[in-house]
PDBML (XML) file of the C-alpha atoms, coordinates in Angstrom:
<?xml version="1.0" encoding="UTF-8" ?>
<PDBx:datablock datablockName="MODEL"
   xmlns:PDBx="http://pdbml.pdb.org/schema/pdbx-v50.xsd"
   xmlns:xsi="http://www.w3.org/2001/XMLSchema-instance"
   xsi:schemaLocation="http://pdbml.pdb.org/schema/pdbx-v50.xsd pdbx-v50.xsd">
   <PDBx:atom_siteCategory>
      <PDBx:atom_site id="1">
         <PDBx:B_iso_or_equiv>0.00</PDBx:B_iso_or_equiv>
         <PDBx:Cartn_x>0.237</PDBx:Cartn_x>
         <PDBx:Cartn_y>-0.060</PDBx:Cartn_y>
         <PDBx:Cartn_z>-0.086</PDBx:Cartn_z>
         <PDBx:auth_asym_id>A</PDBx:auth_asym_id>
         <PDBx:auth_atom_id>CA</PDBx:auth_atom_id>
         <PDBx:auth_comp_id>ASN</PDBx:auth_comp_id>
         <PDBx:auth_seq_id>1</PDBx:auth_seq_id>
         <PDBx:group_PDB>ATOM</PDBx:group_PDB>
         <PDBx:label_alt_id xsi:nil="true" />
         <PDBx:label_asym_id>A</PDBx:label_asym_id>
         <PDBx:label_atom_id>CA</PDBx:label_atom_id>
         <PDBx:label_comp_id>ASN</PDBx:label_comp_id>
         <PDBx:label_entity_id>1</PDBx:label_entity_id>
         <PDBx:label_seq_id>1</PDBx:label_seq_id>
         <PDBx:occupancy>1.00</PDBx:occupancy>
         <PDBx:pdbx_PDB_model_num>1</PDBx:pdbx_PDB_model_num>
         <PDBx:type_symbol>C</PDBx:type_symbol>
      </PDBx:atom_site>
      <PDBx:atom_site id="2">
         <PDBx:B_iso_or_equiv>0.00</PDBx:B_iso_or_equiv>
         <PDBx:Cartn_x>1.202</PDBx:Cartn_x>
         <PDBx:Cartn_y>3.421</PDBx:Cartn_y>
         <PDBx:Cartn_z>-0.780</PDBx:Cartn_z>
         <PDBx:auth_asym_id>A</PDBx:auth_asym_id>
         <PDBx:auth_atom_id>CA</PDBx:auth_atom_id>
         <PDBx:auth_comp_id>TYR</PDBx:auth_comp_id>
         <PDBx:auth_seq_id>2</PDBx:auth_seq_id>
         <PDBx:group_PDB>ATOM</PDBx:group_PDB>
         <PDBx:label_alt_id xsi:nil="true" />
         <PDBx:label_asym_id>A</PDBx:label_asym_id>
         <PDBx:label_atom_id>CA</PDBx:label_atom_id>
         <PDBx:label_comp_id>TYR</PDBx:label_comp_id>
         <PDBx:label_entity_id>1</PDBx:label_entity_id>
         <PDBx:label_seq_id>2</PDBx:label_seq_id>
         <PDBx:occupancy>1.00</PDBx:occupancy>
         <PDBx:pdbx_PDB_model_num>1</PDBx:pdbx_PDB_model_num>
         <PDBx:type_symbol>C</PDBx:type_symbol>
      </PDBx:atom_site>
      <PDBx:atom_site id="3">
         <PDBx:B_iso_or_equiv>0.00</PDBx:B_iso_or_equiv>
         <PDBx:Cartn_x>-0.346</PDBx:Cartn_x>
         <PDBx:Cartn_y>6.785</PDBx:Cartn_y>
         <PDBx:Cartn_z>-0.139</PDBx:Cartn_z>
         <PDBx:auth_asym_id>A</PDBx:auth_asym_id>
         <PDBx:auth_atom_id>CA</PDBx:auth_atom_id>
         <PDBx:auth_comp_id>ALA</PDBx:auth_comp_id>
         <PDBx:auth_seq_id>3</PDBx:auth_seq_id>
         <PDBx:group_PDB>ATOM</PDBx:group_PDB>
         <PDBx:label_alt_id xsi:nil="true" />
         <PDBx:label_asym_id>A</PDBx:label_asym_id>
         <PDBx:label_atom_id>CA</PDBx:label_atom_id>
         <PDBx:label_comp_id>ALA</PDBx:label_comp_id>
         <PDBx:label_entity_id>1</PDBx:label_entity_id>
         <PDBx:label_seq_id>3</PDBx:label_seq_id>
         <PDBx:occupancy>1.00</PDBx:occupancy>
         <PDBx:pdbx_PDB_model_num>1</PDBx:pdbx_PDB_model_num>
         <PDBx:type_symbol>C</PDBx:type_symbol>
      </PDBx:atom_site>
      <PDBx:atom_site id="4">
         <PDBx:B_iso_or_equiv>0.00</PDBx:B_iso_or_equiv>
         <PDBx:Cartn_x>-1.427</PDBx:Cartn_x>
         <PDBx:Cartn_y>8.591</PDBx:Cartn_y>
         <PDBx:Cartn_z>-3.272</PDBx:Cartn_z>
         <PDBx:auth_asym_id>A</PDBx:auth_asym_id>
         <PDBx:auth_atom_id>CA</PDBx:auth_atom_id>
         <PDBx:auth_comp_id>ASP</PDBx:auth_comp_id>
         <PDBx:auth_seq_id>4</PDBx:auth_seq_id>
         <PDBx:group_PDB>ATOM</PDBx:group_PDB>
         <PDBx:label_alt_id xsi:nil="true" />
         <PDBx:label_asym_id>A</PDBx:label_asym_id>
         <PDBx:label_atom_id>CA</PDBx:label_atom_id>
         <PDBx:label_comp_id>ASP</PDBx:label_comp_id>
         <PDBx:label_entity_id>1</PDBx:label_entity_id>
         <PDBx:label_seq_id>4</PDBx:label_seq_id>
         <PDBx:occupancy>1.00</PDBx:occupancy>
         <PDBx:pdbx_PDB_model_num>1</PDBx:pdbx_PDB_model_num>
         <PDBx:type_symbol>C</PDBx:type_symbol>
      </PDBx:atom_site>
      <PDBx:atom_site id="5">
         <PDBx:B_iso_or_equiv>0.00</PDBx:B_iso_or_equiv>
         <PDBx:Cartn_x>1.032</PDBx:Cartn_x>
         <PDBx:Cartn_y>11.601</PDBx:Cartn_y>
         <PDBx:Cartn_z>-2.487</PDBx:Cartn_z>
         <PDBx:auth_asym_id>A</PDBx:auth_asym_id>
         <PDBx:auth_atom_id>CA</PDBx:auth_atom_id>
         <PDBx:auth_comp_id>SER</PDBx:auth_comp_id>
         <PDBx:auth_seq_id>5</PDBx:auth_seq_id>
         <PDBx:group_PDB>ATOM</PDBx:group_PDB>
         <PDBx:label_alt_id xsi:nil="true" />
         <PDBx:label_asym_id>A</PDBx:label_asym_id>
         <PDBx:label_atom_id>CA</PDBx:label_atom_id>
         <PDBx:label_comp_id>SER</PDBx:label_comp_id>
         <PDBx:label_entity_id>1</PDBx:label_entity_id>
         <PDBx:label_seq_id>5</PDBx:label_seq_id>
         <PDBx:occupancy>1.00</PDBx:occupancy>
         <PDBx:pdbx_PDB_model_num>1</PDBx:pdbx_PDB_model_num>
         <PDBx:type_symbol>C</PDBx:type_symbol>
      </PDBx:atom_site>
      <PDBx:atom_site id="6">
         <PDBx:B_iso_or_equiv>0.00</PDBx:B_iso_or_equiv>
         <PDBx:Cartn_x>3.896</PDBx:Cartn_x>
         <PDBx:Cartn_y>9.190</PDBx:Cartn_y>
         <PDBx:Cartn_z>-2.790</PDBx:Cartn_z>
         <PDBx:auth_asym_id>A</PDBx:auth_asym_id>
         <PDBx:auth_atom_id>CA</PDBx:auth_atom_id>
         <PDBx:auth_comp_id>VAL</PDBx:auth_comp_id>
         <PDBx:auth_seq_id>6</PDBx:auth_seq_id>
         <PDBx:group_PDB>ATOM</PDBx:group_PDB>
         <PDBx:label_alt_id xsi:nil="true" />
         <PDBx:label_asym_id>A</PDBx:label_asym_id>
         <PDBx:label_atom_id>CA</PDBx:label_atom_id>
         <PDBx:label_comp_id>VAL</PDBx:label_comp_id>
         <PDBx:label_entity_id>1</PDBx:label_entity_id>
         <PDBx:label_seq_id>6</PDBx:label_seq_id>
         <PDBx:occupancy>1.00</PDBx:occupancy>
         <PDBx:pdbx_PDB_model_num>1</PDBx:pdbx_PDB_model_num>
         <PDBx:type_symbol>C</PDBx:type_symbol>
      </PDBx:atom_site>
      <PDBx:atom_site id="7">
         <PDBx:B_iso_or_equiv>0.00</PDBx:B_iso_or_equiv>
         <PDBx:Cartn_x>3.005</PDBx:Cartn_x>
         <PDBx:Cartn_y>6.753</PDBx:Cartn_y>
         <PDBx:Cartn_z>-5.547</PDBx:Cartn_z>
         <PDBx:auth_asym_id>A</PDBx:auth_asym_id>
         <PDBx:auth_atom_id>CA</PDBx:auth_atom_id>
         <PDBx:auth_comp_id>LYS</PDBx:auth_comp_id>
         <PDBx:auth_seq_id>7</PDBx:auth_seq_id>
         <PDBx:group_PDB>ATOM</PDBx:group_PDB>
         <PDBx:label_alt_id xsi:nil="true" />
         <PDBx:label_asym_id>A</PDBx:label_asym_id>
         <PDBx:label_atom_id>CA</PDBx:label_atom_id>
         <PDBx:label_comp_id>LYS</PDBx:label_comp_id>
         <PDBx:label_entity_id>1</PDBx:label_entity_id>
         <PDBx:label_seq_id>7</PDBx:label_seq_id>
         <PDBx:occupancy>1.00</PDBx:occupancy>
         <PDBx:pdbx_PDB_model_num>1</PDBx:pdbx_PDB_model_num>
         <PDBx:type_symbol>C</PDBx:type_symbol>
      </PDBx:atom_site>
      <PDBx:atom_site id="8">
         <PDBx:B_iso_or_equiv>0.00</PDBx:B_iso_or_equiv>
         <PDBx:Cartn_x>5.497</PDBx:Cartn_x>
         <PDBx:Cartn_y>6.867</PDBx:Cartn_y>
         <PDBx:Cartn_z>-8.223</PDBx:Cartn_z>
         <PDBx:auth_asym_id>A</PDBx:auth_asym_id>
         <PDBx:auth_atom_id>CA</PDBx:auth_atom_id>
         <PDBx:auth_comp_id>GLY</PDBx:auth_comp_id>
         <PDBx:auth_seq_id>8</PDBx:auth_seq_id>
         <PDBx:group_PDB>ATOM</PDBx:group_PDB>
         <PDBx:label_alt_id xsi:nil="true" />
         <PDBx:label_asym_id>A</PDBx:label_asym_id>
         <PDBx:label_atom_id>CA</PDBx:label_atom_id>
         <PDBx:label_comp_id>GLY</PDBx:label_comp_id>
         <PDBx:label_entity_id>1</PDBx:label_entity_id>
         <PDBx:label_seq_id>8</PDBx:label_seq_id>
         <PDBx:occupancy>1.00</PDBx:occupancy>
         <PDBx:pdbx_PDB_model_num>1</PDBx:pdbx_PDB_model_num>
         <PDBx:type_symbol>C</PDBx:type_symbol>
      </PDBx:atom_site>
      <PDBx:atom_site id="9">
         <PDBx:B_iso_or_equiv>0.00</PDBx:B_iso_or_equiv>
         <PDBx:Cartn_x>8.040</PDBx:Cartn_x>
         <PDBx:Cartn_y>8.406</PDBx:Cartn_y>
         <PDBx:Cartn_z>-6.167</PDBx:Cartn_z>
         <PDBx:auth_asym_id>A</PDBx:auth_asym_id>
         <PDBx:auth_atom_id>CA</PDBx:auth_atom_id>
         <PDBx:auth_comp_id>ARG</PDBx:auth_comp_id>
         <PDBx:auth_seq_id>9</PDBx:auth_seq_id>
         <PDBx:group_PDB>ATOM</PDBx:group_PDB>
         <PDBx:label_alt_id xsi:nil="true" />
         <PDBx:label_asym_id>A</PDBx:label_asym_id>
         <PDBx:label_atom_id>CA</PDBx:label_atom_id>
         <PDBx:label_comp_id>ARG</PDBx:label_comp_id>
         <PDBx:label_entity_id>1</PDBx:label_entity_id>
         <PDBx:label_seq_id>9</PDBx:label_seq_id>
         <PDBx:occupancy>1.00</PDBx:occupancy>
         <PDBx:pdbx_PDB_model_num>1</PDBx:pdbx_PDB_model_num>
         <PDBx:type_symbol>C</PDBx:type_symbol>
      </PDBx:atom_site>
      <PDBx:atom_site id="10">
         <PDBx:B_iso_or_equiv>0.00</PDBx:B_iso_or_equiv>
         <PDBx:Cartn_x>8.581</PDBx:Cartn_x>
         <PDBx:Cartn_y>6.152</PDBx:Cartn_y>
         <PDBx:Cartn_z>-3.464</PDBx:Cartn_z>
         <PDBx:auth_asym_id>A</PDBx:auth_asym_id>
         <PDBx:auth_atom_id>CA</PDBx:auth_atom_id>
         <PDBx:auth_comp_id>PHE</PDBx:auth_comp_id>
         <PDBx:auth_seq_id>10</PDBx:auth_seq_id>
         <PDBx:group_PDB>ATOM</PDBx:group_PDB>
         <PDBx:label_alt_id xsi:nil="true" />
         <PDBx:label_asym_id>A</PDBx:label_asym_id>
         <PDBx:label_atom_id>CA</PDBx:label_atom_id>
         <PDBx:label_comp_id>PHE</PDBx:label_comp_id>
         <PDBx:label_entity_id>1</PDBx:label_entity_id>
         <PDBx:label_seq_id>10</PDBx:label_seq_id>
         <PDBx:occupancy>1.00</PDBx:occupancy>
         <PDBx:pdbx_PDB_model_num>1</PDBx:pdbx_PDB_model_num>
         <PDBx:type_symbol>C</PDBx:type_symbol>
      </PDBx:atom_site>
      <PDBx:atom_site id="11">
         <PDBx:B_iso_or_equiv>0.00</PDBx:B_iso_or_equiv>
         <PDBx:Cartn_x>9.634</PDBx:Cartn_x>
         <PDBx:Cartn_y>2.380</PDBx:Cartn_y>
         <PDBx:Cartn_z>-3.303</PDBx:Cartn_z>
         <PDBx:auth_asym_id>A</PDBx:auth_asym_id>
         <PDBx:auth_atom_id>CA</PDBx:auth_atom_id>
         <PDBx:auth_comp_id>ASN</PDBx:auth_comp_id>
         <PDBx:auth_seq_id>11</PDBx:auth_seq_id>
         <PDBx:group_PDB>ATOM</PDBx:group_PDB>
         <PDBx:label_alt_id xsi:nil="true" />
         <PDBx:label_asym_id>A</PDBx:label_asym_id>
         <PDBx:label_atom_id>CA</PDBx:label_atom_id>
         <PDBx:label_comp_id>ASN</PDBx:label_comp_id>
         <PDBx:label_entity_id>1</PDBx:label_entity_id>
         <PDBx:label_seq_id>11</PDBx:label_seq_id>
         <PDBx:occupancy>1.00</PDBx:occupancy>
         <PDBx:pdbx_PDB_model_num>1</PDBx:pdbx_PDB_model_num>
         <PDBx:type_symbol>C</PDBx:type_symbol>
      </PDBx:atom_site>
      <PDBx:atom_site id="12">
         <PDBx:B_iso_or_equiv>0.00</PDBx:B_iso_or_equiv>
         <PDBx:Cartn_x>9.144</PDBx:Cartn_x>
         <PDBx:Cartn_y>-0.044</PDBx:Cartn_y>
         <PDBx:Cartn_z>-0.486</PDBx:Cartn_z>
         <PDBx:auth_asym_id>A</PDBx:auth_asym_id>
         <PDBx:auth_atom_id>CA</PDBx:auth_atom_id>
         <PDBx:auth_comp_id>ILE</PDBx:auth_comp_id>
         <PDBx:auth_seq_id>12</PDBx:auth_seq_id>
         <PDBx:group_PDB>ATOM</PDBx:group_PDB>
         <PDBx:label_alt_id xsi:nil="true" />
         <PDBx:label_asym_id>A</PDBx:label_asym_id>
         <PDBx:label_atom_id>CA</PDBx:label_atom_id>
         <PDBx:label_comp_id>ILE</PDBx:label_comp_id>
         <PDBx:label_entity_id>1</PDBx:label_entity_id>
         <PDBx:label_seq_id>12</PDBx:label_seq_id>
         <PDBx:occupancy>1.00</PDBx:occupancy>
         <PDBx:pdbx_PDB_model_num>1</PDBx:pdbx_PDB_model_num>
         <PDBx:type_symbol>C</PDBx:type_symbol>
      </PDBx:atom_site>
      <PDBx:atom_site id="13">
         <PDBx:B_iso_or_equiv>0.00</PDBx:B_iso_or_equiv>
         <PDBx:Cartn_x>10.702</PDBx:Cartn_x>
         <PDBx:Cartn_y>-3.425</PDBx:Cartn_y>
         <PDBx:Cartn_z>-0.024</PDBx:Cartn_z>
         <PDBx:auth_asym_id>A</PDBx:auth_asym_id>
         <PDBx:auth_atom_id>CA</PDBx:auth_atom_id>
         <PDBx:auth_comp_id>SER</PDBx:auth_comp_id>
         <PDBx:auth_seq_id>13</PDBx:auth_seq_id>
         <PDBx:group_PDB>ATOM</PDBx:group_PDB>
         <PDBx:label_alt_id xsi:nil="true" />
         <PDBx:label_asym_id>A</PDBx:label_asym_id>
         <PDBx:label_atom_id>CA</PDBx:label_atom_id>
         <PDBx:label_comp_id>SER</PDBx:label_comp_id>
         <PDBx:label_entity_id>1</PDBx:label_entity_id>
         <PDBx:label_seq_id>13</PDBx:label_seq_id>
         <PDBx:occupancy>1.00</PDBx:occupancy>
         <PDBx:pdbx_PDB_model_num>1</PDBx:pdbx_PDB_model_num>
         <PDBx:type_symbol>C</PDBx:type_symbol>
      </PDBx:atom_site>
      <PDBx:atom_site id="14">
         <PDBx:B_iso_or_equiv>0.00</PDBx:B_iso_or_equiv>
         <PDBx:Cartn_x>10.986</PDBx:Cartn_x>
         <PDBx:Cartn_y>-6.071</PDBx:Cartn_y>
         <PDBx:Cartn_z>2.472</PDBx:Cartn_z>
         <PDBx:auth_asym_id>A</PDBx:auth_asym_id>
         <PDBx:auth_atom_id>CA</PDBx:auth_atom_id>
         <PDBx:auth_comp_id>ARG</PDBx:auth_comp_id>
         <PDBx:auth_seq_id>14</PDBx:auth_seq_id>
         <PDBx:group_PDB>ATOM</PDBx:group_PDB>
         <PDBx:label_alt_id xsi:nil="true" />
         <PDBx:label_asym_id>A</PDBx:label_asym_id>
         <PDBx:label_atom_id>CA</PDBx:label_atom_id>
         <PDBx:label_comp_id>ARG</PDBx:label_comp_id>
         <PDBx:label_entity_id>1</PDBx:label_entity_id>
         <PDBx:label_seq_id>14</PDBx:label_seq_id>
         <PDBx:occupancy>1.00</PDBx:occupancy>
         <PDBx:pdbx_PDB_model_num>1</PDBx:pdbx_PDB_model_num>
         <PDBx:type_symbol>C</PDBx:type_symbol>
      </PDBx:atom_site>
      <PDBx:atom_site id="15">
         <PDBx:B_iso_or_equiv>0.00</PDBx:B_iso_or_equiv>
         <PDBx:Cartn_x>13.765</PDBx:Cartn_x>
         <PDBx:Cartn_y>-8.605</PDBx:Cartn_y>
         <PDBx:Cartn_z>3.204</PDBx:Cartn_z>
         <PDBx:auth_asym_id>A</PDBx:auth_asym_id>
         <PDBx:auth_atom_id>CA</PDBx:auth_atom_id>
         <PDBx:auth_comp_id>ASP</PDBx:auth_comp_id>
         <PDBx:auth_seq_id>15</PDBx:auth_seq_id>
         <PDBx:group_PDB>ATOM</PDBx:group_PDB>
         <PDBx:label_alt_id xsi:nil="true" />
         <PDBx:label_asym_id>A</PDBx:label_asym_id>
         <PDBx:label_atom_id>CA</PDBx:label_atom_id>
         <PDBx:label_comp_id>ASP</PDBx:label_comp_id>
         <PDBx:label_entity_id>1</PDBx:label_entity_id>
         <PDBx:label_seq_id>15</PDBx:label_seq_id>
         <PDBx:occupancy>1.00</PDBx:occupancy>
         <PDBx:pdbx_PDB_model_num>1</PDBx:pdbx_PDB_model_num>
         <PDBx:type_symbol>C</PDBx:type_symbol>
      </PDBx:atom_site>
      <PDBx:atom_site id="16">
         <PDBx:B_iso_or_equiv>0.00</PDBx:B_iso_or_equiv>
         <PDBx:Cartn_x>11.970</PDBx:Cartn_x>
         <PDBx:Cartn_y>-10.978</PDBx:Cartn_y>
         <PDBx:Cartn_z>5.499</PDBx:Cartn_z>
         <PDBx:auth_asym_id>A</PDBx:auth_asym_id>
         <PDBx:auth_atom_id>CA</PDBx:auth_atom_id>
         <PDBx:auth_comp_id>ASN</PDBx:auth_comp_id>
         <PDBx:auth_seq_id>16</PDBx:auth_seq_id>
         <PDBx:group_PDB>ATOM</PDBx:group_PDB>
         <PDBx:label_alt_id xsi:nil="true" />
         <PDBx:label_asym_id>A</PDBx:label_asym_id>
         <PDBx:label_atom_id>CA</PDBx:label_atom_id>
         <PDBx:label_comp_id>ASN</PDBx:label_comp_id>
         <PDBx:label_entity_id>1</PDBx:label_entity_id>
         <PDBx:label_seq_id>16</PDBx:label_seq_id>
         <PDBx:occupancy>1.00</PDBx:occupancy>
         <PDBx:pdbx_PDB_model_num>1</PDBx:pdbx_PDB_model_num>
         <PDBx:type_symbol>C</PDBx:type_symbol>
      </PDBx:atom_site>
      <PDBx:atom_site id="17">
         <PDBx:B_iso_or_equiv>0.00</PDBx:B_iso_or_equiv>
         <PDBx:Cartn_x>15.299</PDBx:Cartn_x>
         <PDBx:Cartn_y>-13.235</PDBx:Cartn_y>
         <PDBx:Cartn_z>6.245</PDBx:Cartn_z>
         <PDBx:auth_asym_id>A</PDBx:auth_asym_id>
         <PDBx:auth_atom_id>CA</PDBx:auth_atom_id>
         <PDBx:auth_comp_id>ALA</PDBx:auth_comp_id>
         <PDBx:auth_seq_id>17</PDBx:auth_seq_id>
         <PDBx:group_PDB>ATOM</PDBx:group_PDB>
         <PDBx:label_alt_id xsi:nil="true" />
         <PDBx:label_asym_id>A</PDBx:label_asym_id>
         <PDBx:label_atom_id>CA</PDBx:label_atom_id>
         <PDBx:label_comp_id>ALA</PDBx:label_comp_id>
         <PDBx:label_entity_id>1</PDBx:label_entity_id>
         <PDBx:label_seq_id>17</PDBx:label_seq_id>
         <PDBx:occupancy>1.00</PDBx:occupancy>
         <PDBx:pdbx_PDB_model_num>1</PDBx:pdbx_PDB_model_num>
         <PDBx:type_symbol>C</PDBx:type_symbol>
      </PDBx:atom_site>
      <PDBx:atom_site id="18">
         <PDBx:B_iso_or_equiv>0.00</PDBx:B_iso_or_equiv>
         <PDBx:Cartn_x>16.755</PDBx:Cartn_x>
         <PDBx:Cartn_y>-10.009</PDBx:Cartn_y>
         <PDBx:Cartn_z>7.755</PDBx:Cartn_z>
         <PDBx:auth_asym_id>A</PDBx:auth_asym_id>
         <PDBx:auth_atom_id>CA</PDBx:auth_atom_id>
         <PDBx:auth_comp_id>LYS</PDBx:auth_comp_id>
         <PDBx:auth_seq_id>18</PDBx:auth_seq_id>
         <PDBx:group_PDB>ATOM</PDBx:group_PDB>
         <PDBx:label_alt_id xsi:nil="true" />
         <PDBx:label_asym_id>A</PDBx:label_asym_id>
         <PDBx:label_atom_id>CA</PDBx:label_atom_id>
         <PDBx:label_comp_id>LYS</PDBx:label_comp_id>
         <PDBx:label_entity_id>1</PDBx:label_entity_id>
         <PDBx:label_seq_id>18</PDBx:label_seq_id>
         <PDBx:occupancy>1.00</PDBx:occupancy>
         <PDBx:pdbx_PDB_model_num>1</PDBx:pdbx_PDB_model_num>
         <PDBx:type_symbol>C</PDBx:type_symbol>
      </PDBx:atom_site>
      <PDBx:atom_site id="19">
         <PDBx:B_iso_or_equiv>0.00</PDBx:B_iso_or_equiv>
         <PDBx:Cartn_x>13.283</PDBx:Cartn_x>
         <PDBx:Cartn_y>-8.673</PDBx:Cartn_y>
         <PDBx:Cartn_z>9.140</PDBx:Cartn_z>
         <PDBx:auth_asym_id>A</PDBx:auth_asym_id>
         <PDBx:auth_atom_id>CA</PDBx:auth_atom_id>
         <PDBx:auth_comp_id>ASN</PDBx:auth_comp_id>
         <PDBx:auth_seq_id>19</PDBx:auth_seq_id>
         <PDBx:group_PDB>ATOM</PDBx:group_PDB>
         <PDBx:label_alt_id xsi:nil="true" />
         <PDBx:label_asym_id>A</PDBx:label_asym_id>
         <PDBx:label_atom_id>CA</PDBx:label_atom_id>
         <PDBx:label_comp_id>ASN</PDBx:label_comp_id>
         <PDBx:label_entity_id>1</PDBx:label_entity_id>
         <PDBx:label_seq_id>19</PDBx:label_seq_id>
         <PDBx:occupancy>1.00</PDBx:occupancy>
         <PDBx:pdbx_PDB_model_num>1</PDBx:pdbx_PDB_model_num>
         <PDBx:type_symbol>C</PDBx:type_symbol>
      </PDBx:atom_site>
      <PDBx:atom_site id="20">
         <PDBx:B_iso_or_equiv>0.00</PDBx:B_iso_or_equiv>
         <PDBx:Cartn_x>14.120</PDBx:Cartn_x>
         <PDBx:Cartn_y>-5.619</PDBx:Cartn_y>
         <PDBx:Cartn_z>7.502</PDBx:Cartn_z>
         <PDBx:auth_asym_id>A</PDBx:auth_asym_id>
         <PDBx:auth_atom_id>CA</PDBx:auth_atom_id>
         <PDBx:auth_comp_id>THR</PDBx:auth_comp_id>
         <PDBx:auth_seq_id>20</PDBx:auth_seq_id>
         <PDBx:group_PDB>ATOM</PDBx:group_PDB>
         <PDBx:label_alt_id xsi:nil="true" />
         <PDBx:label_asym_id>A</PDBx:label_asym_id>
         <PDBx:label_atom_id>CA</PDBx:label_atom_id>
         <PDBx:label_comp_id>THR</PDBx:label_comp_id>
         <PDBx:label_entity_id>1</PDBx:label_entity_id>
         <PDBx:label_seq_id>20</PDBx:label_seq_id>
         <PDBx:occupancy>1.00</PDBx:occupancy>
         <PDBx:pdbx_PDB_model_num>1</PDBx:pdbx_PDB_model_num>
         <PDBx:type_symbol>C</PDBx:type_symbol>
      </PDBx:atom_site>
      <PDBx:atom_site id="21">
         <PDBx:B_iso_or_equiv>0.00</PDBx:B_iso_or_equiv>
         <PDBx:Cartn_x>11.869</PDBx:Cartn_x>
         <PDBx:Cartn_y>-2.979</PDBx:Cartn_y>
         <PDBx:Cartn_z>5.559</PDBx:Cartn_z>
         <PDBx:auth_asym_id>A</PDBx:auth_asym_id>
         <PDBx:auth_atom_id>CA</PDBx:auth_atom_id>
         <PDBx:auth_comp_id>VAL</PDBx:auth_comp_id>
         <PDBx:auth_seq_id>21</PDBx:auth_seq_id>
         <PDBx:group_PDB>ATOM</PDBx:group_PDB>
         <PDBx:label_alt_id xsi:nil="true" />
         <PDBx:label_asym_id>A</PDBx:label_asym_id>
         <PDBx:label_atom_id>CA</PDBx:label_atom_id>
         <PDBx:label_comp_id>VAL</PDBx:label_comp_id>
         <PDBx:label_entity_id>1</PDBx:label_entity_id>
         <PDBx:label_seq_id>21</PDBx:label_seq_id>
         <PDBx:occupancy>1.00</PDBx:occupancy>
         <PDBx:pdbx_PDB_model_num>1</PDBx:pdbx_PDB_model_num>
         <PDBx:type_symbol>C</PDBx:type_symbol>
      </PDBx:atom_site>
      <PDBx:atom_site id="22">
         <PDBx:B_iso_or_equiv>0.00</PDBx:B_iso_or_equiv>
         <PDBx:Cartn_x>13.457</PDBx:Cartn_x>
         <PDBx:Cartn_y>-0.298</PDBx:Cartn_y>
         <PDBx:Cartn_z>3.236</PDBx:Cartn_z>
         <PDBx:auth_asym_id>A</PDBx:auth_asym_id>
         <PDBx:auth_atom_id>CA</PDBx:auth_atom_id>
         <PDBx:auth_comp_id>TYR</PDBx:auth_comp_id>
         <PDBx:auth_seq_id>22</PDBx:auth_seq_id>
         <PDBx:group_PDB>ATOM</PDBx:group_PDB>
         <PDBx:label_alt_id xsi:nil="true" />
         <PDBx:label_asym_id>A</PDBx:label_asym_id>
         <PDBx:label_atom_id>CA</PDBx:label_atom_id>
         <PDBx:label_comp_id>TYR</PDBx:label_comp_id>
         <PDBx:label_entity_id>1</PDBx:label_entity_id>
         <PDBx:label_seq_id>22</PDBx:label_seq_id>
         <PDBx:occupancy>1.00</PDBx:occupancy>
         <PDBx:pdbx_PDB_model_num>1</PDBx:pdbx_PDB_model_num>
         <PDBx:type_symbol>C</PDBx:type_symbol>
      </PDBx:atom_site>
      <PDBx:atom_site id="23">
         <PDBx:B_iso_or_equiv>0.00</PDBx:B_iso_or_equiv>
         <PDBx:Cartn_x>11.805</PDBx:Cartn_x>
         <PDBx:Cartn_y>2.875</PDBx:Cartn_y>
         <PDBx:Cartn_z>1.795</PDBx:Cartn_z>
         <PDBx:auth_asym_id>A</PDBx:auth_asym_id>
         <PDBx:auth_atom_id>CA</PDBx:auth_atom_id>
         <PDBx:auth_comp_id>LEU</PDBx:auth_comp_id>
         <PDBx:auth_seq_id>23</PDBx:auth_seq_id>
         <PDBx:group_PDB>ATOM</PDBx:group_PDB>
         <PDBx:label_alt_id xsi:nil="true" />
         <PDBx:label_asym_id>A</PDBx:label_asym_id>
         <PDBx:label_atom_id>CA</PDBx:label_atom_id>
         <PDBx:label_comp_id>LEU</PDBx:label_comp_id>
         <PDBx:label_entity_id>1</PDBx:label_entity_id>
         <PDBx:label_seq_id>23</PDBx:label_seq_id>
         <PDBx:occupancy>1.00</PDBx:occupancy>
         <PDBx:pdbx_PDB_model_num>1</PDBx:pdbx_PDB_model_num>
         <PDBx:type_symbol>C</PDBx:type_symbol>
      </PDBx:atom_site>
      <PDBx:atom_site id="24">
         <PDBx:B_iso_or_equiv>0.00</PDBx:B_iso_or_equiv>
         <PDBx:Cartn_x>13.478</PDBx:Cartn_x>
         <PDBx:Cartn_y>4.170</PDBx:Cartn_y>
         <PDBx:Cartn_z>-1.175</PDBx:Cartn_z>
         <PDBx:auth_asym_id>A</PDBx:auth_asym_id>
         <PDBx:auth_atom_id>CA</PDBx:auth_atom_id>
         <PDBx:auth_comp_id>GLN</PDBx:auth_comp_id>
         <PDBx:auth_seq_id>24</PDBx:auth_seq_id>
         <PDBx:group_PDB>ATOM</PDBx:group_PDB>
         <PDBx:label_alt_id xsi:nil="true" />
         <PDBx:label_asym_id>A</PDBx:label_asym_id>
         <PDBx:label_atom_id>CA</PDBx:label_atom_id>
         <PDBx:label_comp_id>GLN</PDBx:label_comp_id>
         <PDBx:label_entity_id>1</PDBx:label_entity_id>
         <PDBx:label_seq_id>24</PDBx:label_seq_id>
         <PDBx:occupancy>1.00</PDBx:occupancy>
         <PDBx:pdbx_PDB_model_num>1</PDBx:pdbx_PDB_model_num>
         <PDBx:type_symbol>C</PDBx:type_symbol>
      </PDBx:atom_site>
   </PDBx:atom_siteCategory>
</PDBx:datablock>
């Protein structure tokens, strides 16, 4: 899910093995 205001600009990704989430 992305907020409408950030769609196309922000990218979320998740590494389950590392229990880490990223936001570019």
